[in-house]
Amino acid sequence: MRHSQRYTATWISQIPQKTFLRLYVSVLYSSTMPPTIVAKRIAGFDPNTFLATFGDGRKILLAPKKQAIFSQGEVADAVFYVQKGKVRLTVVSQVGKEATIGIVSQGNFFGEGSLAGQLLRMGSAAAMTDCEILRIEKKTMMEALHREPALSELFVAYLLARNIRYEEDLVDQLFNSSEKRLARVLLLLARFGKEGIPETVVPKISQETLAEMVGTTRSRVSFFMNRFRKLGFIHYAGGAEGALQVHSSLLNVVLHD
């Protein structure tokens, strides 16, 4: 365990359990608020219109389901903005083990490491659904951030939410069971919809992908998913996409001692 992880574990262990649970739920809901919701609070600013019309160095990418957008180790020279669809972010270890580190939906950025001096991509990105993605060259994005304060505010809000999410993931791995981690992942995925209203997760996310995100085995994910279904926390809608409905009652698993 790294020094920062040991420090975090020591600090969190000193928080009373009830206080920790309140903080956990508060951060869970606040940090998963999509930047598009933040944008609605910036009067008169439409990030889609601005990013699509500002300067040169922009390109619309139409990525069908499963198509790679960039790969680990490639040159990091652009930022991406999801206009439609969902994108899966992954990393591969030196021994070839792949892990899913996030799913980015409409109204969100990814590949922002290029703005912070990242020369090569530290992970890969691929379309989970048919996607429409705006590719913005690093220079163009920097100019846009300097020129438009509303875009800067939106982008900073996104970065803060992403950073909090990473901190949550660390806390989750250190203190929670795989069942609670799975429940949290499903709630986070459902929160990609309207604020406060879980939506159907489409397309169906494989149990292998969920296992990667949770940090457990596929068999354990299958066991817990069956339990959630029997308890009425989730519902398989079926159909071609195998839609999964996540209900807010699943939060009971996160809060259960």
Protein backbone atom coordinates (compact mmCIF):
# COMPACT_ATOMS: atom_id res chain seq x y z
CA MET A 1 0.00 0.00 0.00
CA ARG A 2 1.32 3.42 -0.92
CA HIS A 3 2.01 6.09 1.72
CA SER A 4 -0.97 8.17 0.55
CA GLN A 5 -3.23 5.14 0.85
CA ARG A 6 -1.98 4.40 4.39
CA TYR A 7 -2.55 8.05 5.34
CA THR A 8 -6.07 8.00 3.87
CA ALA A 9 -6.89 4.73 5.65
CA THR A 10 -5.66 6.11 9.01
CA TRP A 11 -7.60 9.35 8.61
CA ILE A 12 -10.86 7.69 7.57
CA SER A 13 -10.63 5.06 10.33
CA GLN A 14 -10.92 7.89 12.88
CA ILE A 15 -14.29 9.03 11.53
CA PRO A 16 -17.30 7.77 13.56
CA GLN A 17 -19.27 5.18 11.59
CA LYS A 18 -22.52 7.17 11.38
CA THR A 19 -20.64 10.28 10.28
CA PHE A 20 -18.75 8.28 7.68
CA LEU A 21 -21.98 6.88 6.21
CA ARG A 22 -23.50 10.36 5.93
CA LEU A 23 -20.36 11.63 4.22
CA TYR A 24 -20.28 8.61 1.94
CA VAL A 25 -23.85 9.08 0.73
CA SER A 26 -23.40 12.85 0.36
CA VAL A 27 -20.28 12.50 -1.76
CA LEU A 28 -21.77 9.60 -3.73
CA TYR A 29 -24.61 11.76 -4.98
CA SER A 30 -22.83 15.08 -5.35
CA SER A 31 -19.79 13.82 -7.26
CA THR A 32 -21.79 11.80 -9.76
CA MET A 33 -23.68 14.83 -11.01
CA PRO A 34 -22.95 15.05 -14.73
CA PRO A 35 -21.21 18.24 -15.93
CA THR A 36 -24.19 18.81 -18.22
CA ILE A 37 -26.26 19.50 -15.08
CA VAL A 38 -23.60 21.97 -13.93
CA ALA A 39 -23.77 23.61 -17.34
CA LYS A 40 -27.50 24.21 -16.95
CA ARG A 41 -26.65 26.40 -13.97
CA ILE A 42 -24.39 28.59 -16.10
CA ALA A 43 -26.94 30.90 -17.65
CA GLY A 44 -26.84 31.23 -21.41
CA PHE A 45 -23.94 28.82 -21.95
CA ASP A 46 -24.28 25.73 -24.15
CA PRO A 47 -21.03 23.68 -24.15
CA ASN A 48 -22.12 21.64 -27.17
CA THR A 49 -22.63 24.73 -29.34
CA PHE A 50 -19.47 26.46 -28.10
CA LEU A 51 -17.17 23.47 -28.53
CA ALA A 52 -18.59 22.71 -31.97
CA THR A 53 -17.98 26.22 -33.30
CA PHE A 54 -14.86 27.49 -31.55
CA GLY A 55 -11.70 27.74 -33.67
CA ASP A 56 -9.98 25.07 -35.71
CA GLY A 57 -8.58 21.78 -34.52
CA ARG A 58 -11.93 20.11 -34.01
CA LYS A 59 -13.25 16.92 -35.55
CA ILE A 60 -16.45 14.92 -35.14
CA LEU A 61 -15.83 11.19 -34.70
CA LEU A 62 -18.64 8.72 -35.36
CA ALA A 63 -17.61 5.62 -33.43
CA PRO A 64 -19.76 2.48 -33.70
CA LYS A 65 -20.12 0.17 -30.72
CA LYS A 66 -16.81 -1.44 -29.60
CA GLN A 67 -14.64 0.76 -31.84
CA ALA A 68 -11.42 1.99 -30.24
CA ILE A 69 -11.12 5.76 -29.86
CA PHE A 70 -7.53 5.73 -28.62
CA SER A 71 -5.22 3.08 -27.19
CA GLN A 72 -2.87 2.93 -24.25
CA GLY A 73 0.59 4.20 -25.20
CA GLU A 74 -0.56 6.44 -28.07
CA VAL A 75 0.38 10.10 -28.23
CA ALA A 76 -1.86 12.24 -26.00
CA ASP A 77 -2.54 15.29 -28.15
CA ALA A 78 -6.28 15.92 -27.79
CA VAL A 79 -9.27 16.06 -25.46
CA PHE A 80 -12.57 14.34 -26.25
CA TYR A 81 -16.14 15.40 -25.51
CA VAL A 82 -19.01 12.90 -25.69
CA GLN A 83 -21.96 14.34 -27.58
CA LYS A 84 -23.88 11.06 -27.84
CA GLY A 85 -23.35 7.58 -26.41
CA LYS A 86 -21.13 6.05 -23.74
CA VAL A 87 -17.39 5.40 -23.71
CA ARG A 88 -15.53 2.78 -21.67
CA LEU A 89 -12.12 3.67 -20.22
CA THR A 90 -9.68 0.83 -19.48
CA VAL A 91 -6.05 0.19 -18.54
CA VAL A 92 -3.92 -2.90 -19.12
CA SER A 93 -1.17 -3.99 -16.73
CA GLN A 94 2.27 -5.19 -17.78
CA VAL A 95 1.11 -8.78 -17.44
CA GLY A 96 -1.87 -8.13 -19.71
CA LYS A 97 -4.66 -7.84 -17.15
CA GLU A 98 -7.33 -5.34 -18.20
CA ALA A 99 -9.34 -3.21 -15.76
CA THR A 100 -12.27 -0.88 -16.42
CA ILE A 101 -11.66 2.44 -14.66
CA GLY A 102 -14.72 4.34 -15.80
CA ILE A 103 -17.65 4.80 -18.15
CA VAL A 104 -18.11 8.26 -19.66
CA SER A 105 -21.49 9.33 -20.94
CA GLN A 106 -22.99 12.21 -22.90
CA GLY A 107 -21.87 15.66 -21.79
CA ASN A 108 -18.56 14.50 -20.31
CA PHE A 109 -14.90 14.89 -21.25
CA PHE A 110 -12.17 12.27 -21.37
CA GLY A 111 -8.53 12.21 -22.40
CA GLU A 112 -7.94 15.42 -20.42
CA GLY A 113 -4.53 14.20 -19.25
CA SER A 114 -3.04 15.72 -22.39
CA LEU A 115 -3.69 19.19 -20.95
CA ALA A 116 -1.56 18.40 -17.89
CA GLY A 117 1.56 17.41 -19.78
CA GLN A 118 0.72 13.74 -20.34
CA LEU A 119 2.67 12.72 -23.44
CA LEU A 120 1.29 9.20 -23.89
CA ARG A 121 -2.13 7.76 -23.11
CA MET A 122 -2.14 5.93 -19.79
CA GLY A 123 -5.23 3.97 -20.78
CA SER A 124 -7.56 3.15 -23.65
CA ALA A 125 -11.02 4.36 -24.65
CA ALA A 126 -13.63 2.48 -26.70
CA ALA A 127 -17.27 3.07 -27.61
CA MET A 128 -19.76 1.12 -25.50
CA THR A 129 -22.59 2.24 -27.75
CA ASP A 130 -22.74 4.01 -31.08
CA CYS A 131 -21.10 7.33 -30.23
CA GLU A 132 -20.72 10.84 -31.57
CA ILE A 133 -17.56 12.33 -30.11
CA LEU A 134 -15.91 15.70 -30.58
CA ARG A 135 -12.12 15.49 -30.76
CA ILE A 136 -10.48 18.77 -29.72
CA GLU A 137 -6.76 19.32 -30.24
CA LYS A 138 -4.81 20.31 -27.13
CA LYS A 139 -3.96 23.80 -28.42
CA THR A 140 -7.57 24.52 -29.39
CA MET A 141 -8.88 23.34 -26.02
CA MET A 142 -6.38 25.49 -24.13
CA GLU A 143 -7.39 28.56 -26.15
CA ALA A 144 -11.08 27.83 -25.52
CA LEU A 145 -10.54 27.51 -21.77
CA HIS A 146 -8.69 30.84 -21.68
CA ARG A 147 -11.27 32.66 -23.77
CA GLU A 148 -14.53 31.36 -22.27
CA PRO A 149 -14.89 31.53 -18.44
CA ALA A 150 -18.11 29.49 -18.53
CA LEU A 151 -16.30 26.62 -20.25
CA SER A 152 -13.48 26.85 -17.71
CA GLU A 153 -16.00 26.68 -14.87
CA LEU A 154 -17.66 23.65 -16.44
CA PHE A 155 -14.34 21.91 -17.07
CA VAL A 156 -13.05 22.53 -13.54
CA ALA A 157 -16.33 21.17 -12.11
CA TYR A 158 -15.85 18.06 -14.21
CA LEU A 159 -12.25 17.60 -13.06
CA LEU A 160 -13.22 18.00 -9.41
CA ALA A 161 -16.01 15.46 -9.77
CA ARG A 162 -13.60 13.02 -11.43
CA ASN A 163 -11.03 13.52 -8.66
CA ILE A 164 -13.63 12.94 -5.95
CA ARG A 165 -14.74 9.81 -7.79
CA TYR A 166 -11.18 8.44 -7.68
CA GLU A 167 -11.01 9.16 -3.95
CA GLU A 168 -14.33 7.38 -3.46
CA ASP A 169 -13.01 4.38 -5.36
CA LEU A 170 -10.00 4.20 -3.03
CA VAL A 171 -12.21 4.38 0.06
CA ASP A 172 -14.50 1.76 -1.47
CA GLN A 173 -11.62 -0.67 -2.06
CA LEU A 174 -10.18 -0.14 1.42
CA PHE A 175 -13.32 -0.47 3.52
CA ASN A 176 -16.25 -2.06 1.69
CA SER A 177 -17.18 -5.60 0.74
CA SER A 178 -17.46 -6.61 -2.91
CA GLU A 179 -21.26 -6.62 -2.54
CA LYS A 180 -21.29 -2.97 -1.45
CA ARG A 181 -18.80 -2.03 -4.16
CA LEU A 182 -21.02 -3.64 -6.81
CA ALA A 183 -24.09 -1.82 -5.47
CA ARG A 184 -22.21 1.48 -5.60
CA VAL A 185 -21.04 0.89 -9.19
CA LEU A 186 -24.61 0.15 -10.31
CA LEU A 187 -25.90 3.29 -8.56
CA LEU A 188 -23.19 5.38 -10.20
CA LEU A 189 -24.10 4.02 -13.61
CA ALA A 190 -27.78 4.72 -13.00
CA ARG A 191 -26.97 8.30 -11.95
CA PHE A 192 -25.78 9.03 -15.50
CA GLY A 193 -29.42 9.87 -16.21
CA LYS A 194 -31.53 12.74 -14.94
CA GLU A 195 -30.57 14.20 -11.60
CA GLY A 196 -32.10 12.13 -8.81
CA ILE A 197 -33.79 9.67 -11.18
CA PRO A 198 -31.97 6.39 -11.89
CA GLU A 199 -32.27 5.43 -15.53
CA THR A 200 -32.09 2.17 -17.44
CA VAL A 201 -28.50 1.21 -18.10
CA VAL A 202 -28.22 0.58 -21.84
CA PRO A 203 -26.54 -1.41 -23.22
CA LYS A 204 -26.36 -4.25 -20.75
CA ILE A 205 -22.96 -4.19 -19.05
CA SER A 206 -21.36 -7.61 -18.94
CA GLN A 207 -20.63 -9.23 -15.61
CA GLU A 208 -16.98 -9.40 -16.63
CA THR A 209 -16.88 -5.61 -16.97
CA LEU A 210 -18.65 -5.15 -13.64
CA ALA A 211 -16.17 -7.53 -12.02
CA GLU A 212 -13.28 -5.42 -13.38
CA MET A 213 -14.83 -2.23 -12.01
CA VAL A 214 -15.58 -3.76 -8.61
CA GLY A 215 -12.32 -5.66 -8.24
CA THR A 216 -13.79 -9.12 -7.74
CA THR A 217 -14.62 -12.26 -9.74
CA ARG A 218 -17.39 -12.75 -12.27
CA SER A 219 -18.90 -15.53 -10.13
CA ARG A 220 -19.24 -13.17 -7.16
CA VAL A 221 -20.85 -10.52 -9.37
CA SER A 222 -23.31 -13.13 -10.68
CA PHE A 223 -24.18 -14.18 -7.12
CA PHE A 224 -24.82 -10.62 -5.95
CA MET A 225 -26.74 -9.63 -9.09
CA ASN A 226 -29.10 -12.56 -8.56
CA ARG A 227 -29.54 -11.49 -4.95
CA PHE A 228 -30.25 -7.87 -5.96
CA ARG A 229 -32.80 -9.08 -8.50
CA LYS A 230 -34.64 -11.28 -5.97
CA LEU A 231 -34.77 -8.39 -3.51
CA GLY A 232 -36.22 -6.07 -6.18
CA PHE A 233 -33.22 -3.72 -6.30
CA ILE A 234 -32.61 -4.31 -10.01
CA HIS A 235 -34.72 -5.51 -12.90
CA TYR A 236 -33.73 -7.05 -16.21
CA ALA A 237 -35.93 -5.49 -18.88
CA GLY A 238 -34.73 -7.86 -21.59
CA GLY A 239 -34.87 -6.96 -25.26
CA ALA A 240 -32.09 -6.70 -27.80
CA GLU A 241 -29.94 -4.50 -25.57
CA GLY A 242 -30.57 -6.47 -22.37
CA ALA A 243 -31.49 -3.28 -20.50
CA LEU A 244 -30.95 -3.21 -16.75
CA GLN A 245 -33.13 -1.05 -14.50
CA VAL A 246 -31.43 0.05 -11.27
CA HIS A 247 -33.73 1.15 -8.45
CA SER A 248 -32.81 3.68 -5.77
CA SER A 249 -33.64 1.06 -3.11
CA LEU A 250 -30.26 -0.50 -3.96
CA LEU A 251 -28.80 2.22 -1.73
CA ASN A 252 -29.89 0.06 1.21
CA VAL A 253 -27.03 -2.31 0.40
CA VAL A 254 -24.51 0.53 0.61
CA LEU A 255 -25.85 1.69 3.98
CA HIS A 256 -26.31 -1.77 5.48
CA ASP A 257 -23.83 -2.62 8.25
